[in-house]
Each structure stands twice: as structure tokens, then as C-alpha cells.
PDB file of all heavy atoms in Angstrom:
ATOM      1  N   LYS A   1      -7.997  -5.202  -0.309  1.00  0.00           N
ATOM      2  CA  LYS A   1      -7.955  -6.665  -0.283  1.00  0.00           C
ATOM      3  C   LYS A   1      -6.872  -7.191  -1.212  1.00  0.00           C
ATOM      4  O   LYS A   1      -6.130  -8.122  -0.862  1.00  0.00           O
ATOM      5  CB  LYS A   1      -9.326  -7.226  -0.689  1.00  0.00           C
ATOM      6  CG  LYS A   1      -9.592  -8.634  -0.174  1.00  0.00           C
ATOM      7  CD  LYS A   1      -9.706  -8.632   1.343  1.00  0.00           C
ATOM      8  CE  LYS A   1      -9.814 -10.049   1.907  1.00  0.00           C
ATOM      9  NZ  LYS A   1      -9.652 -10.061   3.375  1.00  0.00           N
ATOM     10  N   GLU A   2      -6.785  -6.631  -2.397  1.00  0.00           N
ATOM     11  CA  GLU A   2      -5.749  -7.052  -3.335  1.00  0.00           C
ATOM     12  C   GLU A   2      -4.370  -6.772  -2.775  1.00  0.00           C
ATOM     13  O   GLU A   2      -3.444  -7.593  -2.919  1.00  0.00           O
ATOM     14  CB  GLU A   2      -5.931  -6.341  -4.678  1.00  0.00           C
ATOM     15  CG  GLU A   2      -7.133  -6.828  -5.467  1.00  0.00           C
ATOM     16  CD  GLU A   2      -7.413  -5.981  -6.687  1.00  0.00           C
ATOM     17  OE1 GLU A   2      -7.135  -4.759  -6.640  1.00  0.00           O
ATOM     18  OE2 GLU A   2      -7.910  -6.534  -7.681  1.00  0.00           O
ATOM     19  N   PHE A   3      -4.215  -5.640  -2.137  1.00  0.00           N
ATOM     20  CA  PHE A   3      -2.919  -5.299  -1.548  1.00  0.00           C
ATOM     21  C   PHE A   3      -2.540  -6.310  -0.467  1.00  0.00           C
ATOM     22  O   PHE A   3      -1.397  -6.766  -0.397  1.00  0.00           O
ATOM     23  CB  PHE A   3      -2.972  -3.885  -0.959  1.00  0.00           C
ATOM     24  CG  PHE A   3      -1.620  -3.347  -0.567  1.00  0.00           C
ATOM     25  CD1 PHE A   3      -0.870  -2.579  -1.441  1.00  0.00           C
ATOM     26  CD2 PHE A   3      -1.086  -3.600   0.690  1.00  0.00           C
ATOM     27  CE1 PHE A   3       0.378  -2.090  -1.092  1.00  0.00           C
ATOM     28  CE2 PHE A   3       0.153  -3.123   1.059  1.00  0.00           C
ATOM     29  CZ  PHE A   3       0.891  -2.367   0.171  1.00  0.00           C
ATOM     30  N   GLU A   4      -3.528  -6.650   0.371  1.00  0.00           N
ATOM     31  CA  GLU A   4      -3.263  -7.622   1.433  1.00  0.00           C
ATOM     32  C   GLU A   4      -2.864  -8.979   0.866  1.00  0.00           C
ATOM     33  O   GLU A   4      -1.901  -9.597   1.348  1.00  0.00           O
ATOM     34  CB  GLU A   4      -4.513  -7.775   2.311  1.00  0.00           C
ATOM     35  CG  GLU A   4      -4.380  -8.834   3.394  1.00  0.00           C
ATOM     36  CD  GLU A   4      -5.665  -9.058   4.178  1.00  0.00           C
ATOM     37  OE1 GLU A   4      -6.486  -8.124   4.259  1.00  0.00           O
ATOM     38  OE2 GLU A   4      -5.848 -10.169   4.712  1.00  0.00           O
ATOM     39  N   GLU A   5      -3.573  -9.418  -0.145  1.00  0.00           N
ATOM     40  CA  GLU A   5      -3.358 -10.770  -0.663  1.00  0.00           C
ATOM     41  C   GLU A   5      -2.200 -10.872  -1.646  1.00  0.00           C
ATOM     42  O   GLU A   5      -1.510 -11.899  -1.693  1.00  0.00           O
ATOM     43  CB  GLU A   5      -4.651 -11.262  -1.333  1.00  0.00           C
ATOM     44  CG  GLU A   5      -5.810 -11.440  -0.365  1.00  0.00           C
ATOM     45  CD  GLU A   5      -7.121 -11.775  -1.057  1.00  0.00           C
ATOM     46  OE1 GLU A   5      -7.147 -11.758  -2.323  1.00  0.00           O
ATOM     47  OE2 GLU A   5      -8.119 -12.052  -0.361  1.00  0.00           O
ATOM     48  N   LEU A   6      -1.962  -9.824  -2.424  1.00  0.00           N
ATOM     49  CA  LEU A   6      -0.971  -9.902  -3.498  1.00  0.00           C
ATOM     50  C   LEU A   6       0.310  -9.121  -3.233  1.00  0.00           C
ATOM     51  O   LEU A   6       1.398  -9.559  -3.633  1.00  0.00           O
ATOM     52  CB  LEU A   6      -1.604  -9.412  -4.811  1.00  0.00           C
ATOM     53  CG  LEU A   6      -2.853 -10.149  -5.286  1.00  0.00           C
ATOM     54  CD1 LEU A   6      -3.430  -9.494  -6.525  1.00  0.00           C
ATOM     55  CD2 LEU A   6      -2.544 -11.617  -5.559  1.00  0.00           C
ATOM     56  N   THR A   7       0.199  -7.977  -2.594  1.00  0.00           N
ATOM     57  CA  THR A   7       1.358  -7.095  -2.454  1.00  0.00           C
ATOM     58  C   THR A   7       2.102  -7.304  -1.140  1.00  0.00           C
ATOM     59  O   THR A   7       3.343  -7.294  -1.114  1.00  0.00           O
ATOM     60  CB  THR A   7       0.928  -5.618  -2.587  1.00  0.00           C
ATOM     61  OG1 THR A   7       0.121  -5.474  -3.755  1.00  0.00           O
ATOM     62  CG2 THR A   7       2.145  -4.711  -2.710  1.00  0.00           C
ATOM     63  N   LEU A   8       1.379  -7.496  -0.047  1.00  0.00           N
ATOM     64  CA  LEU A   8       2.050  -7.714   1.241  1.00  0.00           C
ATOM     65  C   LEU A   8       3.039  -8.875   1.198  1.00  0.00           C
ATOM     66  O   LEU A   8       4.151  -8.751   1.734  1.00  0.00           O
ATOM     67  CB  LEU A   8       1.025  -7.922   2.352  1.00  0.00           C
ATOM     68  CG  LEU A   8       0.452  -6.685   3.029  1.00  0.00           C
ATOM     69  CD1 LEU A   8      -0.535  -7.071   4.125  1.00  0.00           C
ATOM     70  CD2 LEU A   8       1.558  -5.811   3.624  1.00  0.00           C
ATOM     71  N   PRO A   9       2.682 -10.019   0.589  1.00  0.00           N
ATOM     72  CA  PRO A   9       3.665 -11.106   0.533  1.00  0.00           C
ATOM     73  C   PRO A   9       4.951 -10.721  -0.198  1.00  0.00           C
ATOM     74  O   PRO A   9       6.041 -11.176   0.171  1.00  0.00           O
ATOM     75  CB  PRO A   9       2.916 -12.223  -0.207  1.00  0.00           C
ATOM     76  CG  PRO A   9       1.466 -11.941   0.063  1.00  0.00           C
ATOM     77  CD  PRO A   9       1.364 -10.454   0.077  1.00  0.00           C
ATOM     78  N   ARG A  10       4.854  -9.891  -1.223  1.00  0.00           N
ATOM     79  CA  ARG A  10       6.048  -9.418  -1.919  1.00  0.00           C
ATOM     80  C   ARG A  10       6.918  -8.566  -1.003  1.00  0.00           C
ATOM     81  O   ARG A  10       8.152  -8.686  -1.000  1.00  0.00           O
ATOM     82  CB  ARG A  10       5.643  -8.594  -3.155  1.00  0.00           C
ATOM     83  CG  ARG A  10       5.045  -9.392  -4.291  1.00  0.00           C
ATOM     84  CD  ARG A  10       4.766  -8.492  -5.494  1.00  0.00           C
ATOM     85  NE  ARG A  10       4.209  -9.227  -6.620  1.00  0.00           N
ATOM     86  CZ  ARG A  10       4.930  -9.841  -7.553  1.00  0.00           C
ATOM     87  NH1 ARG A  10       6.256  -9.814  -7.480  1.00  0.00           N
ATOM     88  NH2 ARG A  10       4.332 -10.475  -8.550  1.00  0.00           N
ATOM     89  N   ILE A  11       6.275  -7.694  -0.237  1.00  0.00           N
ATOM     90  CA  ILE A  11       7.023  -6.813   0.657  1.00  0.00           C
ATOM     91  C   ILE A  11       7.715  -7.620   1.753  1.00  0.00           C
ATOM     92  O   ILE A  11       8.864  -7.367   2.105  1.00  0.00           O
ATOM     93  CB  ILE A  11       6.070  -5.754   1.255  1.00  0.00           C
ATOM     94  CG1 ILE A  11       5.478  -4.876   0.156  1.00  0.00           C
ATOM     95  CG2 ILE A  11       6.807  -4.890   2.286  1.00  0.00           C
ATOM     96  CD1 ILE A  11       4.349  -3.995   0.598  1.00  0.00           C
ATOM     97  N   LYS A  12       7.002  -8.609   2.269  1.00  0.00           N
ATOM     98  CA  LYS A  12       7.581  -9.489   3.284  1.00  0.00           C
ATOM     99  C   LYS A  12       8.793 -10.222   2.720  1.00  0.00           C
ATOM    100  O   LYS A  12       9.853 -10.292   3.366  1.00  0.00           O
ATOM    101  CB  LYS A  12       6.524 -10.482   3.766  1.00  0.00           C
ATOM    102  CG  LYS A  12       7.030 -11.539   4.744  1.00  0.00           C
ATOM    103  CD  LYS A  12       7.477 -10.915   6.063  1.00  0.00           C
ATOM    104  CE  LYS A  12       7.879 -11.991   7.053  1.00  0.00           C
ATOM    105  NZ  LYS A  12       8.411 -11.408   8.310  1.00  0.00           N
ATOM    106  N   ALA A  13       8.632 -10.765   1.511  1.00  0.00           N
ATOM    107  CA  ALA A  13       9.740 -11.505   0.879  1.00  0.00           C
ATOM    108  C   ALA A  13      10.920 -10.599   0.585  1.00  0.00           C
ATOM    109  O   ALA A  13      12.077 -11.044   0.599  1.00  0.00           O
ATOM    110  CB  ALA A  13       9.250 -12.165  -0.403  1.00  0.00           C
ATOM    111  N   ALA A  14      10.644  -9.315   0.343  1.00  0.00           N
ATOM    112  CA  ALA A  14      11.720  -8.366   0.043  1.00  0.00           C
ATOM    113  C   ALA A  14      12.503  -7.975   1.296  1.00  0.00           C
ATOM    114  O   ALA A  14      13.589  -7.397   1.176  1.00  0.00           O
ATOM    115  CB  ALA A  14      11.138  -7.123  -0.631  1.00  0.00           C
ATOM    116  N   GLY A  15      11.949  -8.228   2.486  1.00  0.00           N
ATOM    117  CA  GLY A  15      12.680  -7.989   3.718  1.00  0.00           C
ATOM    118  C   GLY A  15      12.381  -6.684   4.425  1.00  0.00           C
ATOM    119  O   GLY A  15      12.957  -6.405   5.487  1.00  0.00           O
ATOM    120  N   TYR A  16      11.485  -5.871   3.885  1.00  0.00           N
ATOM    121  CA  TYR A  16      11.163  -4.592   4.522  1.00  0.00           C
ATOM    122  C   TYR A  16      10.331  -4.833   5.788  1.00  0.00           C
ATOM    123  O   TYR A  16       9.483  -5.720   5.831  1.00  0.00           O
ATOM    124  CB  TYR A  16      10.406  -3.687   3.553  1.00  0.00           C
ATOM    125  CG  TYR A  16      11.276  -3.189   2.409  1.00  0.00           C
ATOM    126  CD1 TYR A  16      11.453  -3.954   1.266  1.00  0.00           C
ATOM    127  CD2 TYR A  16      11.951  -1.973   2.502  1.00  0.00           C
ATOM    128  CE1 TYR A  16      12.267  -3.521   0.228  1.00  0.00           C
ATOM    129  CE2 TYR A  16      12.762  -1.526   1.464  1.00  0.00           C
ATOM    130  CZ  TYR A  16      12.914  -2.309   0.334  1.00  0.00           C
ATOM    131  OH  TYR A  16      13.735  -1.881  -0.687  1.00  0.00           O
ATOM    132  N   ASN A  17      10.589  -4.031   6.823  1.00  0.00           N
ATOM    133  CA  ASN A  17       9.874  -4.228   8.097  1.00  0.00           C
ATOM    134  C   ASN A  17       8.789  -3.192   8.343  1.00  0.00           C
ATOM    135  O   ASN A  17       8.103  -3.249   9.364  1.00  0.00           O
ATOM    136  CB  ASN A  17      10.855  -4.276   9.271  1.00  0.00           C
ATOM    137  CG  ASN A  17      11.675  -2.998   9.423  1.00  0.00           C
ATOM    138  OD1 ASN A  17      11.241  -1.913   9.036  1.00  0.00           O
ATOM    139  ND2 ASN A  17      12.876  -3.119   9.989  1.00  0.00           N
ATOM    140  N   THR A  18       8.628  -2.257   7.415  1.00  0.00           N
ATOM    141  CA  THR A  18       7.635  -1.194   7.587  1.00  0.00           C
ATOM    142  C   THR A  18       7.051  -0.835   6.223  1.00  0.00           C
ATOM    143  O   THR A  18       7.792  -0.767   5.240  1.00  0.00           O
ATOM    144  CB  THR A  18       8.290   0.071   8.192  1.00  0.00           C
ATOM    145  OG1 THR A  18       8.968  -0.274   9.399  1.00  0.00           O
ATOM    146  CG2 THR A  18       7.248   1.144   8.489  1.00  0.00           C
ATOM    147  N   ILE A  19       5.728  -0.614   6.181  1.00  0.00           N
ATOM    148  CA  ILE A  19       5.152  -0.037   4.969  1.00  0.00           C
ATOM    149  C   ILE A  19       4.593   1.334   5.317  1.00  0.00           C
ATOM    150  O   ILE A  19       4.111   1.571   6.420  1.00  0.00           O
ATOM    151  CB  ILE A  19       4.049  -0.922   4.334  1.00  0.00           C
ATOM    152  CG1 ILE A  19       2.910  -1.202   5.321  1.00  0.00           C
ATOM    153  CG2 ILE A  19       4.626  -2.205   3.806  1.00  0.00           C
ATOM    154  CD1 ILE A  19       1.734  -1.932   4.686  1.00  0.00           C
ATOM    155  N   GLN A  20       4.716   2.230   4.365  1.00  0.00           N
ATOM    156  CA  GLN A  20       4.166   3.572   4.504  1.00  0.00           C
ATOM    157  C   GLN A  20       3.059   3.719   3.477  1.00  0.00           C
ATOM    158  O   GLN A  20       3.309   3.717   2.280  1.00  0.00           O
ATOM    159  CB  GLN A  20       5.252   4.615   4.282  1.00  0.00           C
ATOM    160  CG  GLN A  20       4.763   6.054   4.356  1.00  0.00           C
ATOM    161  CD  GLN A  20       5.880   7.035   4.023  1.00  0.00           C
ATOM    162  OE1 GLN A  20       6.952   6.986   4.617  1.00  0.00           O
ATOM    163  NE2 GLN A  20       5.652   7.903   3.061  1.00  0.00           N
ATOM    164  N   LEU A  21       1.820   3.802   3.970  1.00  0.00           N
ATOM    165  CA  LEU A  21       0.654   3.858   3.077  1.00  0.00           C
ATOM    166  C   LEU A  21       0.297   5.285   2.743  1.00  0.00           C
ATOM    167  O   LEU A  21       0.036   6.104   3.620  1.00  0.00           O
ATOM    168  CB  LEU A  21      -0.540   3.164   3.730  1.00  0.00           C
ATOM    169  CG  LEU A  21      -0.483   1.638   3.895  1.00  0.00           C
ATOM    170  CD1 LEU A  21      -1.794   1.126   4.471  1.00  0.00           C
ATOM    171  CD2 LEU A  21      -0.163   0.948   2.577  1.00  0.00           C
ATOM    172  N   MET A  22       0.265   5.569   1.462  1.00  0.00           N
ATOM    173  CA  MET A  22      -0.154   6.867   0.974  1.00  0.00           C
ATOM    174  C   MET A  22      -1.643   6.858   0.662  1.00  0.00           C
ATOM    175  O   MET A  22      -2.249   5.806   0.477  1.00  0.00           O
ATOM    176  CB  MET A  22       0.624   7.226  -0.303  1.00  0.00           C
ATOM    177  CG  MET A  22       2.129   7.149  -0.183  1.00  0.00           C
ATOM    178  SD  MET A  22       2.933   7.367  -1.783  1.00  0.00           S
ATOM    179  CE  MET A  22       2.412   9.030  -2.181  1.00  0.00           C
ATOM    180  N   ALA A  23      -2.217   8.060   0.599  1.00  0.00           N
ATOM    181  CA  ALA A  23      -3.570   8.261   0.065  1.00  0.00           C
ATOM    182  C   ALA A  23      -4.638   7.463   0.797  1.00  0.00           C
ATOM    183  O   ALA A  23      -5.582   6.969   0.192  1.00  0.00           O
ATOM    184  CB  ALA A  23      -3.605   7.933  -1.427  1.00  0.00           C
ATOM    185  N   VAL A  24      -4.521   7.343   2.114  1.00  0.00           N
ATOM    186  CA  VAL A  24      -5.518   6.619   2.899  1.00  0.00           C
ATOM    187  C   VAL A  24      -6.706   7.521   3.219  1.00  0.00           C
ATOM    188  O   VAL A  24      -7.856   7.093   3.155  1.00  0.00           O
ATOM    189  CB  VAL A  24      -4.893   6.069   4.197  1.00  0.00           C
ATOM    190  CG1 VAL A  24      -5.968   5.481   5.119  1.00  0.00           C
ATOM    191  CG2 VAL A  24      -3.841   5.017   3.874  1.00  0.00           C
ATOM    192  N   MET A  25      -6.451   8.773   3.563  1.00  0.00           N
ATOM    193  CA  MET A  25      -7.527   9.698   3.909  1.00  0.00           C
ATOM    194  C   MET A  25      -8.312  10.073   2.647  1.00  0.00           C
ATOM    195  O   MET A  25      -7.735  10.224   1.570  1.00  0.00           O
ATOM    196  CB  MET A  25      -6.940  10.945   4.569  1.00  0.00           C
ATOM    197  CG  MET A  25      -6.046  10.614   5.764  1.00  0.00           C
ATOM    198  SD  MET A  25      -4.926  11.960   6.212  1.00  0.00           S
ATOM    199  CE  MET A  25      -5.974  12.878   7.328  1.00  0.00           C
ATOM    200  N   GLU A  26      -9.617  10.208   2.808  1.00  0.00           N
ATOM    201  CA  GLU A  26     -10.485  10.415   1.642  1.00  0.00           C
ATOM    202  C   GLU A  26     -10.103  11.681   0.877  1.00  0.00           C
ATOM    203  O   GLU A  26      -9.885  12.746   1.453  1.00  0.00           O
ATOM    204  CB  GLU A  26     -11.946  10.478   2.074  1.00  0.00           C
ATOM    205  CG  GLU A  26     -12.913  10.451   0.906  1.00  0.00           C
ATOM    206  CD  GLU A  26     -12.794   9.178   0.060  1.00  0.00           C
ATOM    207  OE1 GLU A  26     -13.426   8.166   0.409  1.00  0.00           O
ATOM    208  OE2 GLU A  26     -12.050   9.216  -0.945  1.00  0.00           O
ATOM    209  N   HIS A  27     -10.036  11.535  -0.441  1.00  0.00           N
ATOM    210  CA  HIS A  27      -9.694  12.642  -1.335  1.00  0.00           C
ATOM    211  C   HIS A  27     -10.504  12.489  -2.609  1.00  0.00           C
ATOM    212  O   HIS A  27     -10.554  11.411  -3.197  1.00  0.00           O
ATOM    213  CB  HIS A  27      -8.187  12.632  -1.649  1.00  0.00           C
ATOM    214  CG  HIS A  27      -7.663  11.285  -2.069  1.00  0.00           C
ATOM    215  ND1 HIS A  27      -7.534  10.229  -1.190  1.00  0.00           N
ATOM    216  CD2 HIS A  27      -7.238  10.826  -3.280  1.00  0.00           C
ATOM    217  CE1 HIS A  27      -7.052   9.172  -1.849  1.00  0.00           C
ATOM    218  NE2 HIS A  27      -6.874   9.507  -3.095  1.00  0.00           N
ATOM    219  N   PRO A  28     -11.157  13.548  -3.066  1.00  0.00           N
ATOM    220  CA  PRO A  28     -12.050  13.422  -4.219  1.00  0.00           C
ATOM    221  C   PRO A  28     -11.328  13.183  -5.542  1.00  0.00           C
ATOM    222  O   PRO A  28     -11.846  12.491  -6.411  1.00  0.00           O
ATOM    223  CB  PRO A  28     -12.801  14.758  -4.261  1.00  0.00           C
ATOM    224  CG  PRO A  28     -12.173  15.634  -3.257  1.00  0.00           C
ATOM    225  CD  PRO A  28     -11.243  14.847  -2.416  1.00  0.00           C
ATOM    226  N   TYR A  29     -10.114  13.751  -5.693  1.00  0.00           N
ATOM    227  CA  TYR A  29      -9.405  13.636  -6.965  1.00  0.00           C
ATOM    228  C   TYR A  29      -8.306  12.581  -6.830  1.00  0.00           C
ATOM    229  O   TYR A  29      -7.316  12.773  -6.114  1.00  0.00           O
ATOM    230  CB  TYR A  29      -8.813  14.991  -7.360  1.00  0.00           C
ATOM    231  CG  TYR A  29      -8.030  14.970  -8.654  1.00  0.00           C
ATOM    232  CD1 TYR A  29      -8.495  14.295  -9.780  1.00  0.00           C
ATOM    233  CD2 TYR A  29      -6.813  15.641  -8.756  1.00  0.00           C
ATOM    234  CE1 TYR A  29      -7.776  14.278 -10.960  1.00  0.00           C
ATOM    235  CE2 TYR A  29      -6.086  15.638  -9.926  1.00  0.00           C
ATOM    236  CZ  TYR A  29      -6.563  14.951 -11.028  1.00  0.00           C
ATOM    237  OH  TYR A  29      -5.849  14.922 -12.195  1.00  0.00           O
ATOM    238  N   TYR A  30      -8.469  11.474  -7.545  1.00  0.00           N
ATOM    239  CA  TYR A  30      -7.526  10.354  -7.462  1.00  0.00           C
ATOM    240  C   TYR A  30      -6.104  10.804  -7.817  1.00  0.00           C
ATOM    241  O   TYR A  30      -5.121  10.371  -7.227  1.00  0.00           O
ATOM    242  CB  TYR A  30      -8.003   9.249  -8.394  1.00  0.00           C
ATOM    243  CG  TYR A  30      -7.237   7.949  -8.304  1.00  0.00           C
ATOM    244  CD1 TYR A  30      -6.891   7.389  -7.083  1.00  0.00           C
ATOM    245  CD2 TYR A  30      -6.871   7.260  -9.471  1.00  0.00           C
ATOM    246  CE1 TYR A  30      -6.209   6.182  -7.006  1.00  0.00           C
ATOM    247  CE2 TYR A  30      -6.184   6.046  -9.410  1.00  0.00           C
ATOM    248  CZ  TYR A  30      -5.845   5.524  -8.175  1.00  0.00           C
ATOM    249  OH  TYR A  30      -5.172   4.334  -8.101  1.00  0.00           O
ATOM    250  N   GLY A  31      -6.000  11.689  -8.794  1.00  0.00           N
ATOM    251  CA  GLY A  31      -4.702  12.134  -9.280  1.00  0.00           C
ATOM    252  C   GLY A  31      -3.934  13.008  -8.314  1.00  0.00           C
ATOM    253  O   GLY A  31      -2.777  13.356  -8.578  1.00  0.00           O
ATOM    254  N   SER A  32      -4.523  13.377  -7.180  1.00  0.00           N
ATOM    255  CA  SER A  32      -3.802  14.209  -6.200  1.00  0.00           C
ATOM    256  C   SER A  32      -2.812  13.391  -5.391  1.00  0.00           C
ATOM    257  O   SER A  32      -2.111  13.940  -4.537  1.00  0.00           O
ATOM    258  CB  SER A  32      -4.797  14.890  -5.262  1.00  0.00           C
ATOM    259  OG  SER A  32      -5.329  13.959  -4.329  1.00  0.00           O
ATOM    260  N   PHE A  33      -2.746  12.067  -5.631  1.00  0.00           N
ATOM    261  CA  PHE A  33      -1.860  11.170  -4.868  1.00  0.00           C
ATOM    262  C   PHE A  33      -2.272  11.131  -3.392  1.00  0.00           C
ATOM    263  O   PHE A  33      -1.499  10.753  -2.523  1.00  0.00           O
ATOM    264  CB  PHE A  33      -0.400  11.601  -4.979  1.00  0.00           C
ATOM    265  CG  PHE A  33       0.544  10.492  -5.360  1.00  0.00           C
ATOM    266  CD1 PHE A  33       1.527  10.697  -6.312  1.00  0.00           C
ATOM    267  CD2 PHE A  33       0.452   9.231  -4.792  1.00  0.00           C
ATOM    268  CE1 PHE A  33       2.420   9.688  -6.680  1.00  0.00           C
ATOM    269  CE2 PHE A  33       1.336   8.214  -5.142  1.00  0.00           C
ATOM    270  CZ  PHE A  33       2.322   8.444  -6.097  1.00  0.00           C
TER     271      PHE A  33
END
């Protein structure tokens, strides 16, 4: 939710047409990226 509300507008303003989302699939260790 924070990414949608706070980060997406920055990316749009920066002019990028694609985002590549990392770490979407469930992983037990946060530090594994």
C-alpha cells in the first residue's frame, strides 16, 4: 500500500515505463532479497 501511494508517483514522475518488482514470492528470510 505504501509503495502504491508513495513510491509509484515518484516512478511515474521520473519517466520510467516499467517497474521490476523483486522479492514478491514468499521467502522466510527477509535478508535473502
